[in-house]
């Protein structure tokens, strides 16, 4: 079994805190992605798990064993870096087998492991080539193969796709997911790309300022963010956020976004929101896909409003529309044939079943 447990993990660089006492449990065979902006502590956390950074306080447990003082080479982990770190004078086979040869593993066993990993990664025909004869994607596969042959307890990935072009990144995301489904080794993956995190992870750990903001499945983080930071960080384009006022009229609640734009609060949210009527520093949140063109059949909790479009971005299967509301630029997604034109007024519909109300002071989603 290869669970990974972080308990009150702290890392300070002199007087600067990088990781501020985080707790996290990663199950055996689970694929967990640490995601967040630069400086949030995700790579530092990964390097502490690997043993490449000394911890300031707390414990790291791998497979039930506290590894705080265990050297990296004895932790039975394998790490894949963003720069591949392949030996240029060695063939693919020699690169993949290097760690096994250092451990004096039998030649027959080395050949079996390398050929098996090469098959999984689709690079069997490249084993005699050298890194300079490979593309970026092929080099990344070799780096992954070098980790797989070691049969580690845990795979650690440190932004492995950041050097690849956009198309190849998408392709390699799929390859990494396929490999995990076949090899099923506990995996901790670091990225700043929230799309990468959402598409790869069993669970996503969103970090900010050295702390964990929220842990959950991609679906949970997307639809039920716990904080304003998670709501704005997860999703592309980002969630629309507008300062608002919560009002009550005749027993019903409404959110006022501007003098002329007021949305009714869905009935099932009334009980939860009532305590916040009239409070300052509230923020209304709604994702772009929940702002669409007006259609002939309205669904419950959909509310129409009219705006002047500032910018339109045709994307083929949809058109992104941007408009100002209370001085804040918002984004919606409409059908490409909806007739959206910059500088023209358009009636849009907000799906309030998916609205969020956020306390801007605490950053908590209510």
Protein backbone atom coordinates (compact mmCIF):
# COMPACT_ATOMS: atom_id res chain seq x y z
CA UNK A 1 0.00 0.00 0.00
CA UNK A 2 1.29 3.51 -0.78
CA UNK A 3 -0.84 6.11 0.92
CA UNK A 4 0.80 9.51 1.30
CA UNK A 5 -0.01 11.59 4.36
CA UNK A 6 1.05 15.15 5.10
CA UNK A 7 0.51 16.24 8.70
CA UNK A 8 0.86 19.90 9.69
CA UNK A 9 3.57 20.29 7.04
CA UNK A 10 5.52 23.56 7.22
CA UNK A 11 8.32 24.98 5.08
CA UNK A 12 9.98 28.31 5.81
CA UNK A 13 12.80 29.91 3.84
CA UNK A 14 14.49 31.98 6.57
CA UNK A 15 11.57 34.13 7.76
CA UNK A 16 9.47 33.60 4.63
CA UNK A 17 6.73 30.93 4.93
CA UNK A 18 6.24 28.84 1.77
CA UNK A 19 3.95 26.12 3.17
CA UNK A 20 1.91 26.93 6.27
CA UNK A 21 0.98 23.74 8.13
CA UNK A 22 -1.05 21.77 5.57
CA UNK A 23 -2.81 18.44 6.14
CA UNK A 24 -3.52 16.07 3.26
CA UNK A 25 -4.21 12.35 2.86
CA UNK A 26 -3.70 10.69 -0.53
CA UNK A 27 -5.12 7.19 -0.92
CA UNK A 28 -3.32 4.21 -2.45
CA UNK A 29 -3.46 4.36 -6.30
CA UNK A 30 -5.08 7.82 -6.22
CA UNK A 31 -4.12 10.52 -8.74
CA UNK A 32 -3.99 13.85 -6.89
CA UNK A 33 -3.12 17.16 -8.53
CA UNK A 34 -1.78 20.16 -6.61
CA UNK A 35 -2.78 23.32 -8.46
CA UNK A 36 -2.48 27.02 -7.80
CA UNK A 37 -0.74 30.21 -8.96
CA UNK A 38 3.01 30.73 -8.84
CA UNK A 39 4.28 30.99 -5.27
CA UNK A 40 1.37 29.08 -3.70
CA UNK A 41 3.63 26.32 -2.31
CA UNK A 42 2.65 23.42 -4.59
CA UNK A 43 6.13 22.64 -5.98
CA UNK A 44 7.70 23.09 -2.55
CA UNK A 45 5.21 20.56 -1.16
CA UNK A 46 6.07 18.09 -3.92
CA UNK A 47 9.80 18.53 -3.34
CA UNK A 48 9.32 17.89 0.38
CA UNK A 49 7.50 14.63 -0.43
CA UNK A 50 10.43 13.72 -2.70
CA UNK A 51 12.97 14.60 -0.02
CA UNK A 52 14.55 17.32 -2.14
CA UNK A 53 13.57 20.02 0.39
CA UNK A 54 14.00 19.74 4.15
CA UNK A 55 10.79 20.25 6.07
CA UNK A 56 10.61 22.92 8.78
CA UNK A 57 7.91 21.15 10.80
CA UNK A 58 5.34 18.39 10.47
CA UNK A 59 5.45 14.85 9.12
CA UNK A 60 5.40 13.11 5.75
CA UNK A 61 4.27 9.48 5.72
CA UNK A 62 4.60 7.19 2.68
CA UNK A 63 3.13 3.70 2.91
CA UNK A 64 2.72 4.03 6.67
CA UNK A 65 6.35 5.04 7.27
CA UNK A 66 7.40 8.52 8.39
CA UNK A 67 10.05 9.58 5.86
CA UNK A 68 11.10 12.98 7.26
CA UNK A 69 14.72 11.84 7.64
CA UNK A 70 14.81 9.25 4.84
CA UNK A 71 17.07 10.24 1.89
CA UNK A 72 15.32 10.69 -1.49
CA UNK A 73 16.91 7.54 -2.97
CA UNK A 74 15.45 5.40 -0.18
CA UNK A 75 11.86 6.73 -0.33
CA UNK A 76 10.91 4.48 -3.27
CA UNK A 77 9.47 7.37 -5.25
CA UNK A 78 10.05 8.36 -8.88
CA UNK A 79 9.92 11.96 -10.07
CA UNK A 80 9.28 13.34 -13.54
CA UNK A 81 10.52 16.92 -14.07
CA UNK A 82 9.49 19.51 -16.64
CA UNK A 83 12.95 19.53 -18.27
CA UNK A 84 13.09 15.70 -18.89
CA UNK A 85 16.72 15.48 -17.54
CA UNK A 86 17.76 12.77 -20.03
CA UNK A 87 21.40 11.85 -20.56
CA UNK A 88 22.20 13.05 -24.12
CA UNK A 89 24.94 10.46 -24.75
CA UNK A 90 22.71 7.50 -23.82
CA UNK A 91 20.07 5.74 -25.92
CA UNK A 92 16.44 5.68 -24.81
CA UNK A 93 16.95 2.14 -23.52
CA UNK A 94 20.03 3.22 -21.53
CA UNK A 95 18.23 6.26 -20.10
CA UNK A 96 15.24 4.19 -19.01
CA UNK A 97 17.38 1.45 -17.48
CA UNK A 98 19.98 3.69 -15.80
CA UNK A 99 18.55 3.59 -12.25
CA UNK A 100 18.07 -0.19 -12.46
CA UNK A 101 21.65 -0.69 -13.63
CA UNK A 102 22.90 1.37 -10.68
CA UNK A 103 21.00 -0.99 -8.37
CA UNK A 104 22.59 -3.96 -10.17
CA UNK A 105 19.22 -5.43 -11.21
CA UNK A 106 19.61 -8.51 -13.44
CA UNK A 107 19.87 -7.75 -17.18
CA UNK A 108 16.87 -9.96 -18.01
CA UNK A 109 14.72 -8.14 -15.44
CA UNK A 110 15.89 -4.74 -16.76
CA UNK A 111 14.99 -5.76 -20.32
CA UNK A 112 11.56 -6.99 -19.20
CA UNK A 113 10.75 -3.77 -17.32
CA UNK A 114 12.03 -1.43 -20.05
CA UNK A 115 10.19 -3.27 -22.83
CA UNK A 116 7.00 -3.35 -20.76
CA UNK A 117 7.17 0.41 -20.02
CA UNK A 118 8.03 1.17 -23.65
CA UNK A 119 4.96 -0.79 -24.75
CA UNK A 120 2.69 1.09 -22.35
CA UNK A 121 4.07 4.44 -23.60
CA UNK A 122 4.17 3.54 -27.30
CA UNK A 123 7.93 4.13 -27.67
CA UNK A 124 9.17 0.58 -28.35
CA UNK A 125 10.56 1.63 -31.74
CA UNK A 126 12.58 4.47 -30.14
CA UNK A 127 14.70 2.42 -27.71
CA UNK A 128 17.87 2.66 -29.83
CA UNK A 129 17.63 6.40 -30.45
CA UNK A 130 19.29 9.19 -28.49
CA UNK A 131 17.39 12.16 -26.98
CA UNK A 132 18.47 14.60 -29.74
CA UNK A 133 16.63 12.38 -32.26
CA UNK A 134 13.35 12.69 -30.35
CA UNK A 135 10.55 15.26 -30.29
CA UNK A 136 9.53 17.00 -27.06
CA UNK A 137 6.60 14.64 -26.56
CA UNK A 138 8.78 11.58 -27.15
CA UNK A 139 11.34 12.84 -24.63
CA UNK A 140 8.60 13.30 -22.06
CA UNK A 141 7.47 9.71 -22.65
CA UNK A 142 11.04 8.51 -22.09
CA UNK A 143 11.19 10.48 -18.81
CA UNK A 144 7.93 8.82 -17.74
CA UNK A 145 9.27 5.42 -18.81
CA UNK A 146 12.37 5.93 -16.69
CA UNK A 147 10.07 6.46 -13.69
CA UNK A 148 7.77 3.52 -14.51
CA UNK A 149 10.57 0.91 -14.75
CA UNK A 150 11.57 1.59 -11.15
CA UNK A 151 8.13 0.35 -10.00
CA UNK A 152 7.99 3.00 -7.25
CA UNK A 153 5.44 3.39 -4.47
CA UNK A 154 4.66 6.93 -5.63
CA UNK A 155 5.00 8.92 -8.86
CA UNK A 156 5.72 12.64 -8.51
CA UNK A 157 5.20 14.92 -11.53
CA UNK A 158 6.53 18.50 -11.39
CA UNK A 159 4.82 20.48 -14.21
CA UNK A 160 5.90 17.86 -16.78
CA UNK A 161 4.00 19.38 -19.72
CA UNK A 162 4.94 23.05 -19.38
CA UNK A 163 7.64 22.88 -22.09
CA UNK A 164 5.29 21.40 -24.72
CA UNK A 165 3.16 23.26 -27.26
CA UNK A 166 -0.61 23.51 -26.69
CA UNK A 167 -1.63 20.63 -28.98
CA UNK A 168 1.00 18.28 -27.59
CA UNK A 169 0.04 19.18 -24.02
CA UNK A 170 -3.51 18.00 -24.68
CA UNK A 171 -2.21 14.78 -26.24
CA UNK A 172 0.22 14.11 -23.37
CA UNK A 173 -2.50 14.75 -20.78
CA UNK A 174 -4.41 11.88 -22.33
CA UNK A 175 -1.28 9.71 -22.39
CA UNK A 176 -0.55 10.35 -18.70
CA UNK A 177 -4.13 9.45 -17.79
CA UNK A 178 -3.92 6.22 -19.82
CA UNK A 179 -0.62 5.31 -18.16
CA UNK A 180 -2.10 5.82 -14.69
CA UNK A 181 -5.09 3.64 -15.56
CA UNK A 182 -2.68 0.87 -16.60
CA UNK A 183 0.02 1.22 -13.94
CA UNK A 184 -2.22 2.38 -11.04
CA UNK A 185 0.51 3.85 -8.85
CA UNK A 186 -0.21 6.58 -6.31
CA UNK A 187 0.51 9.83 -8.15
CA UNK A 188 1.04 13.42 -7.00
CA UNK A 189 1.09 15.89 -9.89
CA UNK A 190 1.87 19.63 -9.72
CA UNK A 191 0.64 22.16 -12.28
CA UNK A 192 -0.39 25.82 -12.48
CA UNK A 193 -2.83 24.91 -15.29
CA UNK A 194 -6.31 24.36 -13.84
CA UNK A 195 -7.53 22.67 -17.05
CA UNK A 196 -4.71 20.13 -16.69
CA UNK A 197 -5.70 19.61 -13.06
CA UNK A 198 -9.38 19.10 -13.86
CA UNK A 199 -8.80 16.64 -16.68
CA UNK A 200 -6.21 14.47 -14.92
CA UNK A 201 -7.11 14.28 -11.24
CA UNK A 202 -9.17 11.94 -9.11
CA UNK A 203 -8.99 14.78 -6.59
CA UNK A 204 -7.67 18.32 -6.96
CA UNK A 205 -5.90 20.22 -4.16
CA UNK A 206 -6.19 23.98 -4.71
CA UNK A 207 -3.39 25.88 -2.95
CA UNK A 208 -3.03 29.58 -2.31
CA UNK A 209 -0.44 31.42 -0.23
CA UNK A 210 1.01 28.22 1.25
CA UNK A 211 -2.37 26.93 2.40
CA UNK A 212 -4.89 24.46 1.01
CA UNK A 213 -8.05 26.33 -0.03
CA UNK A 214 -10.10 23.25 -0.95
CA UNK A 215 -9.72 19.54 -1.77
CA UNK A 216 -12.27 17.72 -3.89
CA UNK A 217 -13.13 16.00 -7.14
CA UNK A 218 -12.93 18.19 -10.25
CA UNK A 219 -16.74 18.22 -10.38
CA UNK A 220 -17.07 19.32 -6.74
CA UNK A 221 -14.55 22.15 -7.10
CA UNK A 222 -16.22 23.39 -10.27
CA UNK A 223 -19.83 23.31 -9.08
CA UNK A 224 -19.38 23.76 -5.32
CA UNK A 225 -16.37 26.01 -4.68
CA UNK A 226 -15.82 26.72 -0.99
CA UNK A 227 -14.08 30.08 -1.42
CA UNK A 228 -13.94 33.04 -3.77
CA UNK A 229 -10.39 32.06 -4.73
CA UNK A 230 -11.43 28.55 -5.82
CA UNK A 231 -14.50 29.91 -7.63
CA UNK A 232 -12.36 32.34 -9.65
CA UNK A 233 -9.36 30.02 -10.19
CA UNK A 234 -11.18 26.89 -11.34
CA UNK A 235 -12.88 27.21 -14.73
CA UNK A 236 -11.88 28.82 -18.01
CA UNK A 237 -13.00 31.52 -18.63
CA UNK A 238 -13.17 32.36 -14.93
CA UNK A 239 -16.40 32.71 -13.00
CA UNK A 240 -18.07 36.13 -13.32
CA UNK A 241 -17.95 37.98 -9.99
CA UNK A 242 -19.97 41.16 -9.36
CA UNK A 243 -20.46 43.13 -6.12
CA UNK A 244 -24.12 42.92 -5.13
CA UNK A 245 -26.69 43.74 -2.48
CA UNK A 246 -29.08 41.13 -1.09
CA UNK A 247 -32.61 42.54 -0.69
CA UNK A 248 -35.97 41.26 0.52
CA UNK A 249 -39.26 42.19 -1.12
CA UNK A 250 -42.56 40.61 -0.04
CA UNK A 251 -40.77 37.68 1.59
CA UNK A 252 -38.74 36.93 -1.56
CA UNK A 253 -35.01 37.59 -1.85
CA UNK A 254 -33.27 39.34 -4.75
CA UNK A 255 -29.71 40.23 -5.61
CA UNK A 256 -29.19 43.74 -6.95
CA UNK A 257 -26.22 44.04 -9.30
CA UNK A 258 -26.96 47.56 -10.57
CA UNK A 259 -29.75 50.15 -10.62
CA UNK A 260 -31.59 48.26 -13.37
CA UNK A 261 -30.36 44.65 -13.05
CA UNK A 262 -31.97 42.71 -10.19
CA UNK A 263 -32.16 38.91 -10.09
CA UNK A 264 -34.59 36.86 -7.98
CA UNK A 265 -32.92 34.35 -5.65
CA UNK A 266 -34.08 30.77 -6.28
CA UNK A 267 -36.51 29.55 -3.63
CA UNK A 268 -34.21 26.77 -2.46
CA UNK A 269 -31.48 29.32 -1.62
CA UNK A 270 -33.71 31.65 0.43
CA UNK A 271 -33.27 29.90 3.79
CA UNK A 272 -29.48 29.83 3.46
CA UNK A 273 -29.12 33.44 2.28
CA UNK A 274 -31.69 35.17 4.54
CA UNK A 275 -29.19 35.95 7.32
CA UNK A 276 -27.14 38.03 4.87
CA UNK A 277 -29.84 40.51 3.80
CA UNK A 278 -28.42 44.04 3.60
CA UNK A 279 -24.90 43.00 4.61
CA UNK A 280 -22.01 44.80 2.88
CA UNK A 281 -19.27 43.15 0.81
CA UNK A 282 -21.35 40.49 -0.92
CA UNK A 283 -20.36 39.17 -4.36
CA UNK A 284 -22.61 37.47 -6.92
CA UNK A 285 -20.94 34.68 -8.89
CA UNK A 286 -22.08 32.97 -12.12
CA UNK A 287 -20.05 31.00 -14.65
CA UNK A 288 -20.03 32.13 -18.32
CA UNK A 289 -21.87 28.98 -19.51
CA UNK A 290 -24.79 29.99 -17.28
CA UNK A 291 -25.23 33.25 -19.20
CA UNK A 292 -26.70 32.38 -22.61
CA UNK A 293 -28.89 33.84 -25.34
CA UNK A 294 -32.65 34.07 -24.80
CA UNK A 295 -34.44 30.95 -26.01
CA UNK A 296 -38.07 30.16 -26.79
CA UNK A 297 -38.54 27.85 -23.81
CA UNK A 298 -37.39 29.27 -20.47
CA UNK A 299 -36.29 26.91 -17.72
CA UNK A 300 -37.02 27.50 -14.02
CA UNK A 301 -34.81 30.11 -12.30
CA UNK A 302 -33.71 31.62 -15.61
CA UNK A 303 -33.93 35.40 -15.73
CA UNK A 304 -33.58 37.59 -18.83
CA UNK A 305 -31.65 40.89 -18.91
CA UNK A 306 -30.47 43.20 -21.67
CA UNK A 307 -26.95 44.55 -22.14
CA UNK A 308 -24.75 46.13 -24.78
CA UNK A 309 -22.00 43.81 -25.95
CA UNK A 310 -18.47 45.18 -25.78
CA UNK A 311 -16.60 42.33 -27.51
CA UNK A 312 -17.55 39.05 -29.20
CA UNK A 313 -15.17 36.12 -29.73
CA UNK A 314 -16.39 33.46 -32.20
CA UNK A 315 -15.00 30.07 -31.10
CA UNK A 316 -16.69 27.85 -33.70
CA UNK A 317 -19.06 25.81 -31.57
CA UNK A 318 -19.90 28.85 -29.42
CA UNK A 319 -19.36 32.60 -29.23
CA UNK A 320 -17.98 34.29 -26.13
CA UNK A 321 -19.68 37.62 -25.40
CA UNK A 322 -18.26 40.28 -23.09
CA UNK A 323 -20.24 43.15 -21.56
CA UNK A 324 -20.06 45.60 -18.66
CA UNK A 325 -22.33 45.36 -15.64
CA UNK A 326 -21.88 47.81 -12.76
CA UNK A 327 -18.45 48.63 -14.17
CA UNK A 328 -17.33 44.97 -14.13
CA UNK A 329 -16.61 43.06 -17.35
CA UNK A 330 -18.62 39.84 -17.53
CA UNK A 331 -18.55 36.95 -19.98
CA UNK A 332 -21.29 34.73 -21.42
CA UNK A 333 -21.39 31.85 -23.89
CA UNK A 334 -23.97 31.99 -26.68
CA UNK A 335 -24.79 29.92 -29.76
CA UNK A 336 -22.74 30.96 -32.83
CA UNK A 337 -25.99 31.74 -34.68
CA UNK A 338 -27.46 33.85 -31.86
CA UNK A 339 -26.58 37.08 -33.72
CA UNK A 340 -24.19 38.49 -31.12
CA UNK A 341 -22.46 41.66 -32.38
CA UNK A 342 -20.10 44.03 -30.60
CA UNK A 343 -21.74 47.42 -29.99
CA UNK A 344 -25.28 45.98 -30.25
CA UNK A 345 -27.73 45.31 -27.45
CA UNK A 346 -28.64 41.69 -26.75
CA UNK A 347 -31.01 39.93 -24.39
CA UNK A 348 -29.20 37.32 -22.35
CA UNK A 349 -30.47 34.85 -19.77
CA UNK A 350 -28.85 34.11 -16.40
CA UNK A 351 -29.38 30.59 -15.02
CA UNK A 352 -29.74 31.44 -11.34
CA UNK A 353 -29.91 27.78 -10.29
CA UNK A 354 -26.12 27.93 -10.59
CA UNK A 355 -25.52 31.27 -8.85
CA UNK A 356 -23.11 31.68 -5.94
CA UNK A 357 -23.21 34.28 -3.17
CA UNK A 358 -19.83 35.08 -1.64
CA UNK A 359 -18.86 36.97 1.51
CA UNK A 360 -16.01 39.10 0.14
CA UNK A 361 -14.65 39.81 3.65
CA UNK A 362 -14.04 36.18 4.59
CA UNK A 363 -13.79 34.90 1.01
CA UNK A 364 -16.26 32.11 1.84
CA UNK A 365 -19.01 30.95 -0.51
CA UNK A 366 -22.29 31.15 1.42
